[in-house]
Amino acid sequence: MNRLFIIVPYLFLLLGTICNASQSEVPSSSLINELQKGGYTLYIRHGDASVGEDQQNINLSDCTTQRNLSTMGKEQAEKYGNAIRKLNIPVYLPVEASPLCRTVQTAQTAFGIQNVKVNDFWINIYKLSQNPSTETISTTLQVFTKEVEQKTPSNFNRVIVAHSFPPGLGLGELSSMETVIIQPLGDQRGYKVLGKLKLEDVLRLAGM
């Protein structure tokens, strides 16, 4: 039985229930083949960010008030971008990034400074880890679904560089540069999670 999970959270969230994306049985190589055709969304967590700390009154325009990419994180992002190109995965430009410095740095390192735009909504995923109210969680996940259920341009893949979700919420906890492959189903139809690829999976598939 196919275990692909369709996320349609509107009803569930109104009931205060958290919807989880289940793991897919789609093999990694098959995921790459699908991505080469286009039509999917790649949701990527930023690279290792162990430099500095997020201050209470974080300033989006001041990276010194935030955690930033480490040397390892920059290397991860560079390798990731090279792997995507080597795998011939078509990417719709510009890619999107959360406004925090570490997500913008990751996107720019992987895809080029000129190929990145900031989408302010994605910082709300980061805020889910700050003990928000149930209402805020519900609203954030509803808007998230509206974002990722939108069909991508034909023959290209949408790329979002943002943050991990808290465990058991949304797309779940993600490691540095881990990618969730999402199939948008269109307005009011939700989305499918086809699978997840860790950085080492992407590099292995690219022969790197």
N, C-alpha and C. Protein backbone atom coordinates (compact mmCIF):
# COMPACT_ATOMS: atom_id res chain seq x y z
N MET A 1 0.84 -1.20 0.00
CA MET A 1 0.00 0.00 0.00
C MET A 1 0.86 1.23 0.00
N ASN A 2 0.55 2.18 -0.84
CA ASN A 2 1.32 3.42 -0.91
C ASN A 2 1.07 4.24 0.35
N ARG A 3 2.16 4.64 1.02
CA ARG A 3 2.02 5.35 2.29
C ARG A 3 2.29 6.84 2.16
N LEU A 4 2.28 7.37 0.93
CA LEU A 4 2.44 8.80 0.78
C LEU A 4 1.32 9.50 1.54
N PHE A 5 1.70 10.54 2.26
CA PHE A 5 0.74 11.17 3.17
C PHE A 5 0.33 12.52 2.62
N ILE A 6 -0.96 12.73 2.47
CA ILE A 6 -1.46 14.02 1.98
C ILE A 6 -1.75 14.90 3.19
N ILE A 7 -1.10 16.07 3.21
CA ILE A 7 -1.29 17.00 4.31
C ILE A 7 -2.45 17.93 3.97
N VAL A 8 -3.52 17.85 4.70
CA VAL A 8 -4.64 18.79 4.55
C VAL A 8 -5.02 19.21 5.96
N PRO A 9 -4.29 20.18 6.54
CA PRO A 9 -4.37 20.42 7.97
C PRO A 9 -5.53 21.28 8.43
N TYR A 10 -6.28 21.88 7.54
CA TYR A 10 -7.26 22.87 7.97
C TYR A 10 -8.20 22.31 9.03
N LEU A 11 -8.85 21.16 8.75
CA LEU A 11 -9.78 20.58 9.69
C LEU A 11 -9.08 20.13 10.95
N PHE A 12 -7.93 19.44 10.79
CA PHE A 12 -7.24 18.90 11.94
C PHE A 12 -6.76 20.00 12.88
N LEU A 13 -6.26 21.09 12.30
CA LEU A 13 -5.73 22.16 13.13
C LEU A 13 -6.84 22.88 13.87
N LEU A 14 -8.01 22.98 13.25
CA LEU A 14 -9.14 23.58 13.94
C LEU A 14 -9.50 22.76 15.17
N LEU A 15 -9.21 21.47 15.11
CA LEU A 15 -9.49 20.59 16.24
C LEU A 15 -8.33 20.54 17.22
N GLY A 16 -7.26 21.29 16.90
CA GLY A 16 -6.11 21.34 17.79
C GLY A 16 -5.19 20.15 17.66
N THR A 17 -5.33 19.40 16.56
CA THR A 17 -4.49 18.23 16.35
C THR A 17 -3.35 18.55 15.42
N ILE A 18 -2.17 18.06 15.72
CA ILE A 18 -1.01 18.31 14.88
C ILE A 18 -0.91 17.23 13.82
N CYS A 19 -0.77 17.65 12.56
CA CYS A 19 -0.64 16.70 11.46
C CYS A 19 0.83 16.41 11.19
N ASN A 20 1.17 15.15 11.10
CA ASN A 20 2.56 14.75 10.86
C ASN A 20 2.69 14.19 9.45
N ALA A 21 3.78 14.50 8.77
CA ALA A 21 4.07 13.90 7.47
C ALA A 21 4.74 12.56 7.72
N SER A 22 4.22 11.51 7.14
CA SER A 22 4.82 10.20 7.32
C SER A 22 6.00 10.01 6.38
N GLN A 23 6.85 9.07 6.73
CA GLN A 23 7.98 8.76 5.87
C GLN A 23 7.48 8.06 4.61
N SER A 24 8.12 8.34 3.50
CA SER A 24 7.74 7.73 2.24
C SER A 24 8.62 6.51 1.97
N GLU A 25 8.10 5.60 1.16
CA GLU A 25 8.87 4.43 0.77
C GLU A 25 9.57 4.64 -0.57
N VAL A 26 9.48 5.85 -1.13
CA VAL A 26 10.10 6.13 -2.43
C VAL A 26 11.62 6.06 -2.27
N PRO A 27 12.33 5.23 -3.02
CA PRO A 27 13.79 5.14 -2.92
C PRO A 27 14.46 6.47 -3.29
N SER A 28 15.64 6.70 -2.72
CA SER A 28 16.35 7.95 -2.97
C SER A 28 16.61 8.19 -4.45
N SER A 29 17.00 7.14 -5.18
CA SER A 29 17.28 7.30 -6.61
C SER A 29 16.03 7.70 -7.38
N SER A 30 14.88 7.16 -6.97
CA SER A 30 13.63 7.51 -7.62
C SER A 30 13.25 8.96 -7.33
N LEU A 31 13.57 9.42 -6.12
CA LEU A 31 13.31 10.82 -5.79
C LEU A 31 14.09 11.75 -6.71
N ILE A 32 15.34 11.41 -6.95
CA ILE A 32 16.17 12.23 -7.84
C ILE A 32 15.59 12.22 -9.25
N ASN A 33 15.16 11.06 -9.71
CA ASN A 33 14.56 10.99 -11.05
C ASN A 33 13.35 11.89 -11.15
N GLU A 34 12.54 11.93 -10.11
CA GLU A 34 11.35 12.79 -10.11
C GLU A 34 11.76 14.26 -10.11
N LEU A 35 12.75 14.61 -9.32
CA LEU A 35 13.19 16.00 -9.25
C LEU A 35 13.76 16.47 -10.58
N GLN A 36 14.37 15.59 -11.31
CA GLN A 36 14.92 15.96 -12.62
C GLN A 36 13.81 16.34 -13.60
N LYS A 37 12.59 15.85 -13.35
CA LYS A 37 11.45 16.21 -14.20
C LYS A 37 10.88 17.57 -13.82
N GLY A 38 11.07 17.98 -12.57
CA GLY A 38 10.52 19.25 -12.10
C GLY A 38 9.12 19.11 -11.55
N GLY A 39 8.63 20.18 -10.97
CA GLY A 39 7.27 20.20 -10.44
C GLY A 39 7.17 19.98 -8.94
N TYR A 40 8.31 19.97 -8.24
CA TYR A 40 8.31 19.71 -6.81
C TYR A 40 8.86 20.91 -6.04
N THR A 41 8.73 20.83 -4.73
CA THR A 41 9.31 21.84 -3.84
C THR A 41 10.34 21.17 -2.94
N LEU A 42 11.52 21.75 -2.88
CA LEU A 42 12.57 21.28 -2.00
C LEU A 42 12.62 22.20 -0.79
N TYR A 43 12.28 21.67 0.36
CA TYR A 43 12.35 22.44 1.60
C TYR A 43 13.63 22.02 2.32
N ILE A 44 14.57 22.94 2.47
CA ILE A 44 15.91 22.62 2.96
C ILE A 44 16.19 23.36 4.26
N ARG A 45 16.68 22.64 5.25
CA ARG A 45 17.16 23.33 6.44
C ARG A 45 18.54 23.91 6.16
N HIS A 46 18.83 25.06 6.74
CA HIS A 46 20.12 25.72 6.57
C HIS A 46 21.28 24.84 7.05
N GLY A 47 22.49 25.23 6.68
CA GLY A 47 23.68 24.51 7.09
C GLY A 47 24.01 24.70 8.56
N ASP A 48 25.04 24.01 9.01
CA ASP A 48 25.47 24.09 10.41
C ASP A 48 25.69 25.54 10.82
N ALA A 49 25.02 25.95 11.89
CA ALA A 49 25.10 27.35 12.34
C ALA A 49 25.48 27.36 13.82
N SER A 50 26.76 27.27 14.08
CA SER A 50 27.24 27.20 15.45
C SER A 50 28.10 28.40 15.84
N VAL A 51 28.00 29.47 15.05
CA VAL A 51 28.75 30.70 15.32
C VAL A 51 27.79 31.75 15.86
N GLY A 52 28.05 32.26 17.07
CA GLY A 52 27.19 33.25 17.68
C GLY A 52 25.96 32.62 18.31
N GLU A 53 24.99 33.46 18.66
CA GLU A 53 23.76 32.98 19.25
C GLU A 53 22.61 33.91 18.89
N ASP A 54 21.41 33.37 18.94
CA ASP A 54 20.23 34.19 18.69
C ASP A 54 19.89 34.97 19.96
N GLN A 55 20.04 36.28 19.90
CA GLN A 55 19.74 37.11 21.06
C GLN A 55 18.24 37.30 21.20
N GLN A 56 17.83 37.67 22.38
CA GLN A 56 16.39 37.81 22.66
C GLN A 56 15.75 38.84 21.74
N ASN A 57 16.42 39.95 21.56
CA ASN A 57 15.92 40.98 20.65
C ASN A 57 16.70 40.90 19.35
N ILE A 58 16.45 39.83 18.62
CA ILE A 58 17.19 39.58 17.40
C ILE A 58 16.91 40.66 16.35
N ASN A 59 17.97 41.08 15.67
CA ASN A 59 17.86 42.11 14.63
C ASN A 59 18.15 41.44 13.29
N LEU A 60 17.16 41.39 12.42
CA LEU A 60 17.32 40.68 11.16
C LEU A 60 18.40 41.28 10.28
N SER A 61 18.67 42.56 10.44
CA SER A 61 19.68 43.22 9.62
C SER A 61 21.06 43.22 10.26
N ASP A 62 21.18 42.59 11.42
CA ASP A 62 22.46 42.56 12.15
C ASP A 62 22.79 41.11 12.47
N CYS A 63 23.72 40.55 11.69
CA CYS A 63 24.07 39.14 11.87
C CYS A 63 24.75 38.85 13.20
N THR A 64 25.28 39.88 13.85
CA THR A 64 25.94 39.65 15.14
C THR A 64 24.93 39.33 16.24
N THR A 65 23.66 39.52 15.98
CA THR A 65 22.62 39.19 16.96
C THR A 65 22.04 37.80 16.72
N GLN A 66 22.65 37.05 15.79
CA GLN A 66 22.09 35.77 15.38
C GLN A 66 23.15 34.68 15.33
N ARG A 67 22.68 33.43 15.31
CA ARG A 67 23.56 32.32 14.98
C ARG A 67 23.85 32.39 13.49
N ASN A 68 25.10 32.13 13.13
CA ASN A 68 25.51 32.20 11.73
C ASN A 68 26.16 30.89 11.29
N LEU A 69 26.30 30.75 9.98
CA LEU A 69 26.93 29.55 9.46
C LEU A 69 28.36 29.42 9.96
N SER A 70 28.71 28.21 10.34
CA SER A 70 30.09 27.90 10.67
C SER A 70 30.85 27.61 9.38
N THR A 71 32.15 27.39 9.49
CA THR A 71 32.93 26.98 8.33
C THR A 71 32.35 25.69 7.75
N MET A 72 31.97 24.77 8.63
CA MET A 72 31.34 23.53 8.17
C MET A 72 30.04 23.82 7.43
N GLY A 73 29.24 24.74 7.97
CA GLY A 73 27.97 25.07 7.34
C GLY A 73 28.14 25.63 5.94
N LYS A 74 29.15 26.48 5.76
CA LYS A 74 29.41 27.04 4.43
C LYS A 74 29.86 25.94 3.47
N GLU A 75 30.69 25.02 3.96
CA GLU A 75 31.13 23.90 3.12
C GLU A 75 29.95 23.01 2.75
N GLN A 76 29.06 22.79 3.71
CA GLN A 76 27.87 21.99 3.43
C GLN A 76 27.03 22.61 2.32
N ALA A 77 26.81 23.92 2.43
CA ALA A 77 25.98 24.62 1.45
C ALA A 77 26.62 24.60 0.07
N GLU A 78 27.92 24.78 0.01
CA GLU A 78 28.63 24.75 -1.27
C GLU A 78 28.53 23.38 -1.92
N LYS A 79 28.75 22.34 -1.12
CA LYS A 79 28.67 20.98 -1.64
C LYS A 79 27.26 20.66 -2.11
N TYR A 80 26.28 21.13 -1.36
CA TYR A 80 24.89 20.87 -1.71
C TYR A 80 24.55 21.48 -3.07
N GLY A 81 24.91 22.75 -3.25
CA GLY A 81 24.65 23.41 -4.53
C GLY A 81 25.32 22.71 -5.69
N ASN A 82 26.57 22.30 -5.47
CA ASN A 82 27.30 21.58 -6.53
C ASN A 82 26.62 20.25 -6.86
N ALA A 83 26.12 19.57 -5.81
CA ALA A 83 25.46 18.29 -6.02
C ALA A 83 24.16 18.45 -6.81
N ILE A 84 23.39 19.48 -6.49
CA ILE A 84 22.14 19.72 -7.20
C ILE A 84 22.41 19.97 -8.68
N ARG A 85 23.45 20.72 -8.96
CA ARG A 85 23.81 21.00 -10.36
C ARG A 85 24.32 19.73 -11.05
N LYS A 86 25.13 18.94 -10.33
CA LYS A 86 25.66 17.72 -10.93
C LYS A 86 24.55 16.71 -11.22
N LEU A 87 23.52 16.72 -10.41
CA LEU A 87 22.40 15.81 -10.59
C LEU A 87 21.40 16.31 -11.64
N ASN A 88 21.68 17.49 -12.20
CA ASN A 88 20.80 18.07 -13.23
C ASN A 88 19.37 18.26 -12.74
N ILE A 89 19.26 18.76 -11.51
CA ILE A 89 17.95 19.06 -10.94
C ILE A 89 17.62 20.52 -11.26
N PRO A 90 16.61 20.78 -12.07
CA PRO A 90 16.30 22.16 -12.46
C PRO A 90 15.68 22.95 -11.31
N VAL A 91 16.22 24.12 -11.05
CA VAL A 91 15.78 24.94 -9.93
C VAL A 91 15.19 26.24 -10.44
N TYR A 92 14.01 26.57 -9.95
CA TYR A 92 13.38 27.84 -10.30
C TYR A 92 14.06 28.95 -9.51
N LEU A 93 14.49 29.99 -10.21
CA LEU A 93 15.18 31.10 -9.58
C LEU A 93 14.31 32.35 -9.57
N PRO A 94 14.43 33.16 -8.51
CA PRO A 94 15.31 32.98 -7.36
C PRO A 94 14.76 31.97 -6.37
N VAL A 95 15.70 31.35 -5.63
CA VAL A 95 15.28 30.47 -4.54
C VAL A 95 14.86 31.36 -3.37
N GLU A 96 14.08 30.80 -2.46
CA GLU A 96 13.58 31.56 -1.32
C GLU A 96 14.37 31.24 -0.06
N ALA A 97 14.51 32.24 0.80
CA ALA A 97 15.20 32.03 2.07
C ALA A 97 14.48 32.78 3.18
N SER A 98 14.48 32.20 4.35
CA SER A 98 14.04 32.90 5.55
C SER A 98 14.97 34.10 5.76
N PRO A 99 14.49 35.18 6.39
CA PRO A 99 15.32 36.38 6.53
C PRO A 99 16.48 36.28 7.51
N LEU A 100 16.57 35.20 8.30
CA LEU A 100 17.72 35.09 9.20
C LEU A 100 19.01 34.91 8.40
N CYS A 101 20.09 35.41 8.95
CA CYS A 101 21.36 35.43 8.21
C CYS A 101 21.80 34.03 7.80
N ARG A 102 21.62 33.04 8.67
CA ARG A 102 22.12 31.69 8.36
C ARG A 102 21.39 31.06 7.19
N THR A 103 20.11 31.39 7.01
CA THR A 103 19.37 30.83 5.89
C THR A 103 19.73 31.56 4.59
N VAL A 104 19.86 32.87 4.68
CA VAL A 104 20.27 33.63 3.50
C VAL A 104 21.68 33.22 3.07
N GLN A 105 22.59 33.07 4.04
CA GLN A 105 23.97 32.66 3.73
C GLN A 105 23.99 31.28 3.07
N THR A 106 23.17 30.37 3.58
CA THR A 106 23.10 29.03 3.00
C THR A 106 22.63 29.08 1.56
N ALA A 107 21.55 29.80 1.33
CA ALA A 107 20.98 29.89 -0.02
C ALA A 107 21.96 30.56 -0.99
N GLN A 108 22.59 31.62 -0.55
CA GLN A 108 23.53 32.33 -1.43
C GLN A 108 24.75 31.49 -1.74
N THR A 109 25.24 30.76 -0.75
CA THR A 109 26.41 29.90 -0.98
C THR A 109 26.09 28.77 -1.94
N ALA A 110 24.91 28.20 -1.80
CA ALA A 110 24.53 27.06 -2.63
C ALA A 110 24.11 27.45 -4.03
N PHE A 111 23.42 28.59 -4.17
CA PHE A 111 22.79 28.92 -5.45
C PHE A 111 23.23 30.25 -6.05
N GLY A 112 24.07 31.02 -5.34
CA GLY A 112 24.55 32.29 -5.88
C GLY A 112 23.81 33.48 -5.26
N ILE A 113 24.56 34.51 -4.93
CA ILE A 113 23.99 35.69 -4.26
C ILE A 113 22.84 36.28 -5.06
N GLN A 114 23.02 36.36 -6.38
CA GLN A 114 22.02 36.99 -7.25
C GLN A 114 20.78 36.14 -7.43
N ASN A 115 20.80 34.91 -6.96
CA ASN A 115 19.70 33.98 -7.21
C ASN A 115 18.85 33.71 -5.98
N VAL A 116 18.89 34.61 -5.01
CA VAL A 116 18.18 34.40 -3.74
C VAL A 116 17.28 35.59 -3.43
N LYS A 117 16.07 35.30 -2.98
CA LYS A 117 15.19 36.34 -2.47
C LYS A 117 14.70 35.93 -1.08
N VAL A 118 14.46 36.92 -0.24
CA VAL A 118 13.99 36.65 1.11
C VAL A 118 12.47 36.60 1.11
N ASN A 119 11.92 35.58 1.74
CA ASN A 119 10.48 35.47 1.97
C ASN A 119 10.29 35.51 3.48
N ASP A 120 9.73 36.61 3.98
CA ASP A 120 9.63 36.82 5.43
C ASP A 120 8.81 35.76 6.15
N PHE A 121 7.92 35.09 5.43
CA PHE A 121 7.08 34.10 6.11
C PHE A 121 7.89 33.01 6.78
N TRP A 122 9.01 32.60 6.17
CA TRP A 122 9.71 31.41 6.63
C TRP A 122 10.32 31.55 8.01
N ILE A 123 10.46 32.78 8.51
CA ILE A 123 10.96 32.93 9.87
C ILE A 123 9.94 32.41 10.88
N ASN A 124 8.69 32.31 10.46
CA ASN A 124 7.66 31.80 11.36
C ASN A 124 7.87 30.33 11.70
N ILE A 125 8.56 29.60 10.84
CA ILE A 125 8.89 28.21 11.16
C ILE A 125 9.89 28.18 12.30
N TYR A 126 10.86 29.09 12.26
CA TYR A 126 11.84 29.24 13.34
C TYR A 126 11.12 29.56 14.66
N LYS A 127 10.10 30.40 14.60
CA LYS A 127 9.39 30.84 15.80
C LYS A 127 8.55 29.73 16.43
N LEU A 128 8.30 28.67 15.69
CA LEU A 128 7.56 27.55 16.26
C LEU A 128 8.31 26.89 17.41
N SER A 129 9.62 27.11 17.47
CA SER A 129 10.44 26.54 18.54
C SER A 129 10.51 27.44 19.77
N GLN A 130 9.75 28.53 19.74
CA GLN A 130 9.81 29.49 20.86
C GLN A 130 8.55 29.45 21.73
N ASN A 131 7.96 28.28 21.83
CA ASN A 131 6.78 28.07 22.67
C ASN A 131 5.62 29.01 22.35
N PRO A 132 5.22 29.07 21.08
CA PRO A 132 4.10 29.93 20.72
C PRO A 132 2.77 29.35 21.21
N SER A 133 1.71 30.15 21.11
CA SER A 133 0.39 29.68 21.52
C SER A 133 -0.12 28.65 20.51
N THR A 134 -1.12 27.88 20.94
CA THR A 134 -1.74 26.91 20.04
C THR A 134 -2.32 27.60 18.82
N GLU A 135 -2.89 28.78 19.02
CA GLU A 135 -3.46 29.54 17.90
C GLU A 135 -2.38 29.93 16.90
N THR A 136 -1.22 30.35 17.40
CA THR A 136 -0.11 30.74 16.51
C THR A 136 0.39 29.53 15.73
N ILE A 137 0.52 28.40 16.41
CA ILE A 137 0.95 27.17 15.73
C ILE A 137 -0.03 26.82 14.61
N SER A 138 -1.32 26.85 14.93
CA SER A 138 -2.34 26.52 13.95
C SER A 138 -2.28 27.45 12.74
N THR A 139 -2.17 28.75 13.00
CA THR A 139 -2.12 29.73 11.91
C THR A 139 -0.88 29.54 11.05
N THR A 140 0.26 29.32 11.70
CA THR A 140 1.52 29.14 10.97
C THR A 140 1.44 27.92 10.06
N LEU A 141 0.92 26.82 10.56
CA LEU A 141 0.85 25.60 9.75
C LEU A 141 -0.17 25.72 8.63
N GLN A 142 -1.24 26.47 8.85
CA GLN A 142 -2.20 26.69 7.78
C GLN A 142 -1.58 27.51 6.65
N VAL A 143 -0.84 28.57 7.02
CA VAL A 143 -0.18 29.39 6.00
C VAL A 143 0.92 28.59 5.31
N PHE A 144 1.63 27.76 6.08
CA PHE A 144 2.65 26.90 5.49
C PHE A 144 2.05 26.03 4.40
N THR A 145 0.92 25.42 4.70
CA THR A 145 0.27 24.57 3.71
C THR A 145 -0.14 25.37 2.47
N LYS A 146 -0.68 26.56 2.68
CA LYS A 146 -1.06 27.40 1.54
C LYS A 146 0.16 27.73 0.68
N GLU A 147 1.31 27.88 1.33
CA GLU A 147 2.55 28.18 0.60
C GLU A 147 2.99 26.99 -0.25
N VAL A 148 3.06 25.82 0.36
CA VAL A 148 3.69 24.69 -0.33
C VAL A 148 2.73 23.87 -1.17
N GLU A 149 1.43 24.14 -1.08
CA GLU A 149 0.49 23.44 -1.96
C GLU A 149 0.41 24.09 -3.34
N GLN A 150 1.04 25.26 -3.50
CA GLN A 150 1.02 25.95 -4.78
C GLN A 150 1.88 25.21 -5.81
N LYS A 151 1.31 24.96 -6.96
CA LYS A 151 2.04 24.26 -8.02
C LYS A 151 3.27 25.06 -8.44
N THR A 152 4.34 24.36 -8.72
CA THR A 152 5.59 25.00 -9.14
C THR A 152 5.60 25.17 -10.65
N PRO A 153 6.43 26.09 -11.17
CA PRO A 153 6.52 26.26 -12.62
C PRO A 153 6.90 24.96 -13.30
N SER A 154 6.32 24.69 -14.45
CA SER A 154 6.58 23.46 -15.19
C SER A 154 8.07 23.28 -15.46
N ASN A 155 8.54 22.07 -15.25
CA ASN A 155 9.93 21.68 -15.54
C ASN A 155 10.96 22.28 -14.58
N PHE A 156 10.50 22.89 -13.49
CA PHE A 156 11.42 23.42 -12.50
C PHE A 156 10.96 23.00 -11.11
N ASN A 157 11.88 23.13 -10.14
CA ASN A 157 11.56 22.85 -8.75
C ASN A 157 11.74 24.11 -7.92
N ARG A 158 10.79 24.35 -7.05
CA ARG A 158 10.88 25.48 -6.12
C ARG A 158 11.80 25.09 -4.97
N VAL A 159 12.65 26.00 -4.56
CA VAL A 159 13.58 25.73 -3.46
C VAL A 159 13.34 26.74 -2.34
N ILE A 160 13.21 26.22 -1.13
CA ILE A 160 13.04 27.04 0.07
C ILE A 160 14.12 26.66 1.07
N VAL A 161 14.87 27.63 1.52
CA VAL A 161 15.90 27.40 2.55
C VAL A 161 15.40 28.04 3.83
N ALA A 162 15.11 27.22 4.82
CA ALA A 162 14.52 27.76 6.04
C ALA A 162 15.00 26.98 7.26
N HIS A 163 14.06 26.54 8.08
CA HIS A 163 14.42 26.02 9.41
C HIS A 163 13.79 24.66 9.67
N SER A 164 14.32 23.98 10.67
CA SER A 164 13.71 22.75 11.15
C SER A 164 12.41 23.07 11.87
N PHE A 165 11.48 22.13 11.82
CA PHE A 165 10.29 22.22 12.65
C PHE A 165 10.58 21.57 13.99
N PRO A 166 9.81 21.91 15.01
CA PRO A 166 9.94 21.17 16.27
C PRO A 166 9.55 19.70 16.06
N PRO A 167 10.08 18.79 16.87
CA PRO A 167 9.72 17.38 16.73
C PRO A 167 8.21 17.17 16.79
N GLY A 168 7.70 16.37 15.85
CA GLY A 168 6.29 16.05 15.85
C GLY A 168 5.38 17.10 15.26
N LEU A 169 5.96 18.12 14.66
CA LEU A 169 5.16 19.22 14.13
C LEU A 169 5.54 19.49 12.68
N GLY A 170 4.57 19.74 11.83
CA GLY A 170 4.86 20.08 10.44
C GLY A 170 5.66 19.01 9.73
N LEU A 171 6.80 19.40 9.17
CA LEU A 171 7.67 18.47 8.46
C LEU A 171 8.60 17.72 9.40
N GLY A 172 8.55 18.04 10.69
CA GLY A 172 9.37 17.35 11.66
C GLY A 172 10.76 17.94 11.80
N GLU A 173 11.53 17.34 12.66
CA GLU A 173 12.89 17.80 12.96
C GLU A 173 13.81 17.44 11.80
N LEU A 174 14.63 18.40 11.38
CA LEU A 174 15.53 18.22 10.24
C LEU A 174 16.96 18.50 10.65
N SER A 175 17.90 17.75 10.10
CA SER A 175 19.32 18.00 10.34
C SER A 175 19.82 19.06 9.37
N SER A 176 21.04 19.51 9.56
CA SER A 176 21.62 20.55 8.70
C SER A 176 21.62 20.10 7.25
N MET A 177 21.05 20.92 6.37
CA MET A 177 20.98 20.70 4.92
C MET A 177 20.11 19.50 4.54
N GLU A 178 19.30 19.01 5.46
CA GLU A 178 18.37 17.95 5.10
C GLU A 178 17.26 18.53 4.23
N THR A 179 16.82 17.77 3.24
CA THR A 179 15.83 18.23 2.27
C THR A 179 14.55 17.41 2.36
N VAL A 180 13.42 18.10 2.43
CA VAL A 180 12.12 17.44 2.34
C VAL A 180 11.59 17.68 0.93
N ILE A 181 11.22 16.60 0.27
CA ILE A 181 10.72 16.71 -1.11
C ILE A 181 9.20 16.69 -1.07
N ILE A 182 8.61 17.79 -1.52
CA ILE A 182 7.17 18.00 -1.42
C ILE A 182 6.56 18.05 -2.81
N GLN A 183 5.45 17.37 -2.96
CA GLN A 183 4.67 17.46 -4.20
C GLN A 183 3.44 18.33 -3.93
N PRO A 184 3.39 19.54 -4.53
CA PRO A 184 2.22 20.40 -4.33
C PRO A 184 1.01 19.84 -5.08
N LEU A 185 -0.14 19.90 -4.46
CA LEU A 185 -1.36 19.38 -5.09
C LEU A 185 -2.30 20.47 -5.57
N GLY A 186 -1.97 21.74 -5.31
CA GLY A 186 -2.80 22.83 -5.78
C GLY A 186 -3.65 23.44 -4.68
N ASP A 187 -4.30 24.57 -4.99
CA ASP A 187 -5.10 25.31 -4.01
C ASP A 187 -6.10 24.43 -3.29
N GLN A 188 -6.06 24.53 -1.96
CA GLN A 188 -7.00 23.83 -1.08
C GLN A 188 -6.88 22.30 -1.15
N ARG A 189 -5.83 21.80 -1.77
CA ARG A 189 -5.68 20.35 -1.90
C ARG A 189 -4.52 19.81 -1.07
N GLY A 190 -3.72 20.69 -0.47
CA GLY A 190 -2.62 20.23 0.37
C GLY A 190 -1.41 19.79 -0.43
N TYR A 191 -0.65 18.86 0.13
CA TYR A 191 0.59 18.41 -0.50
C TYR A 191 0.95 17.02 -0.02
N LYS A 192 1.85 16.38 -0.76
CA LYS A 192 2.40 15.09 -0.37
C LYS A 192 3.88 15.26 -0.03
N VAL A 193 4.33 14.59 0.99
CA VAL A 193 5.76 14.49 1.28
C VAL A 193 6.25 13.19 0.65
N LEU A 194 7.08 13.30 -0.38
CA LEU A 194 7.58 12.10 -1.07
C LEU A 194 8.74 11.45 -0.32
N GLY A 195 9.47 12.24 0.44
CA GLY A 195 10.59 11.68 1.17
C GLY A 195 11.52 12.76 1.67
N LYS A 196 12.55 12.33 2.38
CA LYS A 196 13.57 13.23 2.91
C LYS A 196 14.95 12.73 2.50
N LEU A 197 15.83 13.66 2.20
CA LEU A 197 17.20 13.31 1.86
C LEU A 197 18.15 14.09 2.76
N LYS A 198 18.98 13.38 3.50
CA LYS A 198 20.02 14.04 4.27
C LYS A 198 21.12 14.50 3.33
N LEU A 199 21.97 15.39 3.80
CA LEU A 199 23.05 15.91 2.96
C LEU A 199 23.90 14.78 2.41
N GLU A 200 24.23 13.80 3.25
CA GLU A 200 25.07 12.71 2.78
C GLU A 200 24.39 11.89 1.69
N ASP A 201 23.07 11.82 1.73
CA ASP A 201 22.33 11.12 0.67
C ASP A 201 22.47 11.85 -0.67
N VAL A 202 22.31 13.17 -0.62
CA VAL A 202 22.41 13.98 -1.84
C VAL A 202 23.81 13.87 -2.43
N LEU A 203 24.84 13.95 -1.58
CA LEU A 203 26.22 13.88 -2.05
C LEU A 203 26.52 12.49 -2.62
N ARG A 204 26.02 11.45 -1.96
CA ARG A 204 26.23 10.08 -2.45
C ARG A 204 25.60 9.89 -3.82
N LEU A 205 24.38 10.36 -3.97
CA LEU A 205 23.68 10.20 -5.24
C LEU A 205 24.36 10.98 -6.36
N ALA A 206 25.05 12.06 -5.99
CA ALA A 206 25.76 12.87 -6.97
C ALA A 206 27.17 12.34 -7.22
N GLY A 207 27.56 11.27 -6.50
CA GLY A 207 28.90 10.72 -6.66
C GLY A 207 29.97 11.61 -6.09
N MET A 208 29.66 12.32 -4.99
CA MET A 208 30.62 13.26 -4.40
C MET A 208 31.08 12.74 -3.02
